[in-house]
C-alpha atoms as a PDB file:
ATOM      1  CA  MET A   1       2.743  21.308 -79.819  1.00  0.00           C
ATOM      2  CA  MET A   2       5.735  22.407 -77.910  1.00  0.00           C
ATOM      3  CA  LYS A   3       3.804  25.327 -76.558  1.00  0.00           C
ATOM      4  CA  LYS A   4       1.055  23.092 -75.223  1.00  0.00           C
ATOM      5  CA  LYS A   5       3.564  20.853 -73.551  1.00  0.00           C
ATOM      6  CA  SER A   6       5.346  23.776 -71.964  1.00  0.00           C
ATOM      7  CA  ALA A   7       2.032  25.316 -70.974  1.00  0.00           C
ATOM      8  CA  ARG A   8       1.015  22.037 -69.430  1.00  0.00           C
ATOM      9  CA  ASN A   9       4.353  21.826 -67.654  1.00  0.00           C
ATOM     10  CA  GLY A  10       3.845  25.409 -66.554  1.00  0.00           C
ATOM     11  CA  ASP A  11       0.445  24.529 -65.087  1.00  0.00           C
ATOM     12  CA  MET A  12       1.949  21.661 -63.164  1.00  0.00           C
ATOM     13  CA  ALA A  13       4.696  23.887 -61.867  1.00  0.00           C
ATOM     14  CA  ASP A  14       2.142  26.506 -60.856  1.00  0.00           C
ATOM     15  CA  ARG A  15       0.092  23.874 -59.010  1.00  0.00           C
ATOM     16  CA  ARG A  16       3.158  22.539 -57.230  1.00  0.00           C
ATOM     17  CA  GLN A  17       4.182  26.059 -56.318  1.00  0.00           C
ATOM     18  CA  ALA A  18       0.687  26.828 -55.039  1.00  0.00           C
ATOM     19  CA  GLY A  19       0.784  23.671 -52.943  1.00  0.00           C
ATOM     20  CA  ARG A  20       4.121  24.644 -51.456  1.00  0.00           C
ATOM     21  CA  THR A  21       2.946  28.149 -50.731  1.00  0.00           C
ATOM     22  CA  SER A  22      -0.082  26.921 -48.802  1.00  0.00           C
ATOM     23  CA  GLN A  23       2.051  24.385 -46.935  1.00  0.00           C
ATOM     24  CA  VAL A  24       4.649  26.990 -46.070  1.00  0.00           C
ATOM     25  CA  SER A  25       2.022  29.429 -44.883  1.00  0.00           C
ATOM     26  CA  LEU A  26       0.512  26.764 -42.618  1.00  0.00           C
ATOM     27  CA  MET A  27       3.839  25.836 -41.043  1.00  0.00           C
ATOM     28  CA  PRO A  28       4.216  28.999 -38.972  1.00  0.00           C
ATOM     29  CA  LYS A  29       0.616  28.678 -37.775  1.00  0.00           C
ATOM     30  CA  LYS A  30       1.181  25.076 -36.708  1.00  0.00           C
ATOM     31  CA  CYS A  31       4.400  25.990 -34.943  1.00  0.00           C
ATOM     32  CA  PHE A  32       2.727  28.912 -33.206  1.00  0.00           C
ATOM     33  CA  ALA A  33      -0.237  26.787 -32.174  1.00  0.00           C
ATOM     34  CA  ALA A  34       2.048  24.056 -30.823  1.00  0.00           C
ATOM     35  CA  LYS A  35       4.134  26.565 -28.908  1.00  0.00           C
ATOM     36  CA  ALA A  36       1.031  28.271 -27.543  1.00  0.00           C
ATOM     37  CA  ALA A  37      -0.448  24.931 -26.450  1.00  0.00           C
ATOM     38  CA  ALA A  38       2.824  23.869 -24.835  1.00  0.00           C
ATOM     39  CA  PHE A  39       2.971  27.142 -22.916  1.00  0.00           C
ATOM     40  CA  LEU A  40      -0.695  27.342 -21.949  1.00  0.00           C
ATOM     41  CA  ALA A  41      -1.220  23.724 -20.855  1.00  0.00           C
ATOM     42  CA  PRO A  42       0.840  23.990 -17.636  1.00  0.00           C
ATOM     43  CA  VAL A  43      -0.590  27.448 -16.918  1.00  0.00           C
ATOM     44  CA  VAL A  44      -4.170  26.198 -17.267  1.00  0.00           C
ATOM     45  CA  LEU A  45      -3.376  23.093 -15.202  1.00  0.00           C
ATOM     46  CA  ALA A  46      -1.881  25.223 -12.425  1.00  0.00           C
ATOM     47  CA  ALA A  47      -4.920  27.504 -12.468  1.00  0.00           C
ATOM     48  CA  VAL A  48      -7.315  24.550 -12.268  1.00  0.00           C
ATOM     49  CA  VAL A  49      -5.402  22.933  -9.404  1.00  0.00           C
ATOM     50  CA  ALA A  50      -5.157  26.229  -7.531  1.00  0.00           C
ATOM     51  CA  GLY A  51      -8.855  26.910  -8.044  1.00  0.00           C
ATOM     52  CA  CYS A  52     -10.009  23.560  -6.676  1.00  0.00           C
ATOM     53  CA  GLY A  53     -10.490  25.019  -3.211  1.00  0.00           C
ATOM     54  CA  GLY A  54      -9.726  23.447   0.124  1.00  0.00           C
ATOM     55  CA  ALA A  55     -10.588  19.970   1.232  1.00  0.00           C
ATOM     56  CA  SER A  56     -13.703  19.426   3.258  1.00  0.00           C
ATOM     57  CA  GLY A  57     -13.300  18.754   6.936  1.00  0.00           C
ATOM     58  CA  GLY A  58     -10.004  19.179   8.760  1.00  0.00           C
ATOM     59  CA  GLY A  59      -7.711  17.869   6.011  1.00  0.00           C
ATOM     60  CA  PRO A  60      -5.284  19.937   3.991  1.00  0.00           C
ATOM     61  CA  ALA A  61      -6.124  21.796   0.808  1.00  0.00           C
ATOM     62  CA  ARG A  62      -5.197  19.811  -2.312  1.00  0.00           C
ATOM     63  CA  GLY A  63      -1.431  19.981  -2.602  1.00  0.00           C
ATOM     64  CA  GLY A  64      -0.885  21.133   0.992  1.00  0.00           C
ATOM     65  CA  MET A  65       0.732  19.054   3.678  1.00  0.00           C
ATOM     66  CA  PRO A  66      -1.169  18.491   6.948  1.00  0.00           C
ATOM     67  CA  ASP A  67       0.254  20.130  10.056  1.00  0.00           C
ATOM     68  CA  GLY A  68       2.560  18.196  12.310  1.00  0.00           C
ATOM     69  CA  PRO A  69       5.921  18.267  14.081  1.00  0.00           C
ATOM     70  CA  ALA A  70       8.651  19.769  11.894  1.00  0.00           C
ATOM     71  CA  GLU A  71      10.922  16.716  12.209  1.00  0.00           C
ATOM     72  CA  THR A  72       8.118  14.346  11.229  1.00  0.00           C
ATOM     73  CA  LEU A  73       7.122  16.492   8.253  1.00  0.00           C
ATOM     74  CA  GLU A  74      10.743  16.516   7.122  1.00  0.00           C
ATOM     75  CA  LEU A  75      10.857  12.708   7.371  1.00  0.00           C
ATOM     76  CA  TYR A  76       7.702  12.539   5.264  1.00  0.00           C
ATOM     77  CA  ARG A  77       9.174  14.931   2.681  1.00  0.00           C
ATOM     78  CA  SER A  78      12.414  12.936   2.538  1.00  0.00           C
ATOM     79  CA  HIS A  79      11.014   9.399   2.388  1.00  0.00           C
ATOM     80  CA  CYS A  80       7.293   9.356   1.598  1.00  0.00           C
ATOM     81  CA  ILE A  81       6.246  12.276  -0.567  1.00  0.00           C
ATOM     82  CA  ALA A  82       7.276  10.756  -3.920  1.00  0.00           C
ATOM     83  CA  CYS A  83       4.665   8.002  -3.635  1.00  0.00           C
ATOM     84  CA  HIS A  84       2.128   9.522  -1.253  1.00  0.00           C
ATOM     85  CA  ALA A  85       2.071  13.187  -2.489  1.00  0.00           C
ATOM     86  CA  PRO A  86       2.330  16.352  -0.383  1.00  0.00           C
ATOM     87  CA  ASP A  87      -1.348  16.165   0.589  1.00  0.00           C
ATOM     88  CA  LEU A  88      -1.202  12.385   1.268  1.00  0.00           C
ATOM     89  CA  THR A  89      -3.651  11.600  -1.578  1.00  0.00           C
ATOM     90  CA  GLY A  90      -1.150   9.402  -3.428  1.00  0.00           C
ATOM     91  CA  ASN A  91       0.829   9.759  -6.625  1.00  0.00           C
ATOM     92  CA  MET A  92       0.596   6.118  -7.699  1.00  0.00           C
ATOM     93  CA  GLY A  93      -3.082   5.277  -7.531  1.00  0.00           C
ATOM     94  CA  PRO A  94      -5.673   4.694  -4.822  1.00  0.00           C
ATOM     95  CA  SER A  95      -3.520   2.301  -2.806  1.00  0.00           C
ATOM     96  CA  THR A  96      -1.058   5.139  -2.105  1.00  0.00           C
ATOM     97  CA  ASP A  97      -3.752   7.510  -0.765  1.00  0.00           C
ATOM     98  CA  ILE A  98      -3.043   7.800   2.969  1.00  0.00           C
ATOM     99  CA  SER A  99      -5.001  11.013   3.544  1.00  0.00           C
ATOM    100  CA  GLN A 100      -7.332   9.177   5.953  1.00  0.00           C
ATOM    101  CA  VAL A 101      -5.095   6.269   6.915  1.00  0.00           C
ATOM    102  CA  GLY A 102      -5.855   6.800  10.623  1.00  0.00           C
ATOM    103  CA  ALA A 103      -9.483   5.898   9.947  1.00  0.00           C
ATOM    104  CA  ARG A 104      -8.433   2.566   8.382  1.00  0.00           C
ATOM    105  CA  LEU A 105      -5.387   1.498  10.393  1.00  0.00           C
ATOM    106  CA  ASP A 106      -4.345   2.028  13.997  1.00  0.00           C
ATOM    107  CA  ARG A 107      -0.929   3.352  14.995  1.00  0.00           C
ATOM    108  CA  ASP A 108       0.619  -0.135  15.358  1.00  0.00           C
ATOM    109  CA  GLU A 109      -0.657  -1.261  11.955  1.00  0.00           C
ATOM    110  CA  ILE A 110       0.720   1.914  10.348  1.00  0.00           C
ATOM    111  CA  ARG A 111       4.035   1.391  12.109  1.00  0.00           C
ATOM    112  CA  ARG A 112       4.215  -2.197  10.867  1.00  0.00           C
ATOM    113  CA  ARG A 113       3.421  -1.117   7.304  1.00  0.00           C
ATOM    114  CA  ILE A 114       6.180   1.525   7.358  1.00  0.00           C
ATOM    115  CA  ALA A 115       8.735  -0.888   8.822  1.00  0.00           C
ATOM    116  CA  GLU A 116       7.877  -3.995   6.790  1.00  0.00           C
ATOM    117  CA  GLY A 117       6.288  -2.512   3.675  1.00  0.00           C
ATOM    118  CA  GLY A 118       3.483  -4.236   1.839  1.00  0.00           C
ATOM    119  CA  ASP A 119       1.852  -4.415  -1.580  1.00  0.00           C
ATOM    120  CA  ILE A 120       3.909  -1.928  -3.606  1.00  0.00           C
ATOM    121  CA  MET A 121       5.366  -0.124  -0.594  1.00  0.00           C
ATOM    122  CA  PRO A 122       8.989  -0.889   0.269  1.00  0.00           C
ATOM    123  CA  ALA A 123      10.096  -1.605   3.835  1.00  0.00           C
ATOM    124  CA  PHE A 124      11.749   1.266   5.694  1.00  0.00           C
ATOM    125  CA  ALA A 125      13.078  -0.584   8.769  1.00  0.00           C
ATOM    126  CA  ASP A 126      16.559  -0.521   7.250  1.00  0.00           C
ATOM    127  CA  ARG A 127      16.368   3.191   6.331  1.00  0.00           C
ATOM    128  CA  LEU A 128      14.647   4.774   9.328  1.00  0.00           C
ATOM    129  CA  SER A 129      15.233   4.405  13.049  1.00  0.00           C
ATOM    130  CA  GLU A 130      12.506   3.036  15.333  1.00  0.00           C
ATOM    131  CA  ALA A 131      11.976   6.553  16.698  1.00  0.00           C
ATOM    132  CA  GLN A 132      11.503   7.937  13.174  1.00  0.00           C
ATOM    133  CA  ILE A 133       9.058   5.171  12.261  1.00  0.00           C
ATOM    134  CA  ASP A 134       7.148   5.806  15.514  1.00  0.00           C
ATOM    135  CA  ALA A 135       6.981   9.525  14.752  1.00  0.00           C
ATOM    136  CA  LEU A 136       5.617   8.924  11.255  1.00  0.00           C
ATOM    137  CA  ALA A 137       3.149   6.295  12.493  1.00  0.00           C
ATOM    138  CA  GLY A 138       1.837   8.593  15.222  1.00  0.00           C
ATOM    139  CA  TRP A 139       1.397  11.514  12.812  1.00  0.00           C
ATOM    140  CA  LEU A 140      -0.254   9.356  10.160  1.00  0.00           C
ATOM    141  CA  ALA A 141      -2.617   7.784  12.728  1.00  0.00           C
ATOM    142  CA  GLU A 142      -3.981  11.309  13.301  1.00  0.00           C
ATOM    143  CA  GLN A 143      -4.933  11.636   9.633  1.00  0.00           C
ATOM    144  CA  ARG A 144      -8.643  10.848   9.550  1.00  0.00           C
END
């Protein structure tokens, strides 16, 4: 009887060992797959974004900033780009898409929105001079 018990215990040990072996052999595969996915995801995303082509009409290609005066573009980069994106399409939903703001608002309305803010946009009258706000409003009014 002792032999049966030890044989039975041996079987259990063999099964446990087999289970560990298969688990251990899967671990490196899972780690490799996770590392590969973590590496490839940004690469694939960059390739997809780069391959999207240019925008139709006179607007910028996705990710590109429209042309304009250097000082105005620098103001945009410094104060607006976080919410409105480099290509003006918005980083925070449709309400932050200003890629065709000139078709919706005139220069004075754009100026007022920059100075006073509105909806989720903060006011910039206390951060930018009137000349800077005018420059941004004029440039944005051209975006149609």
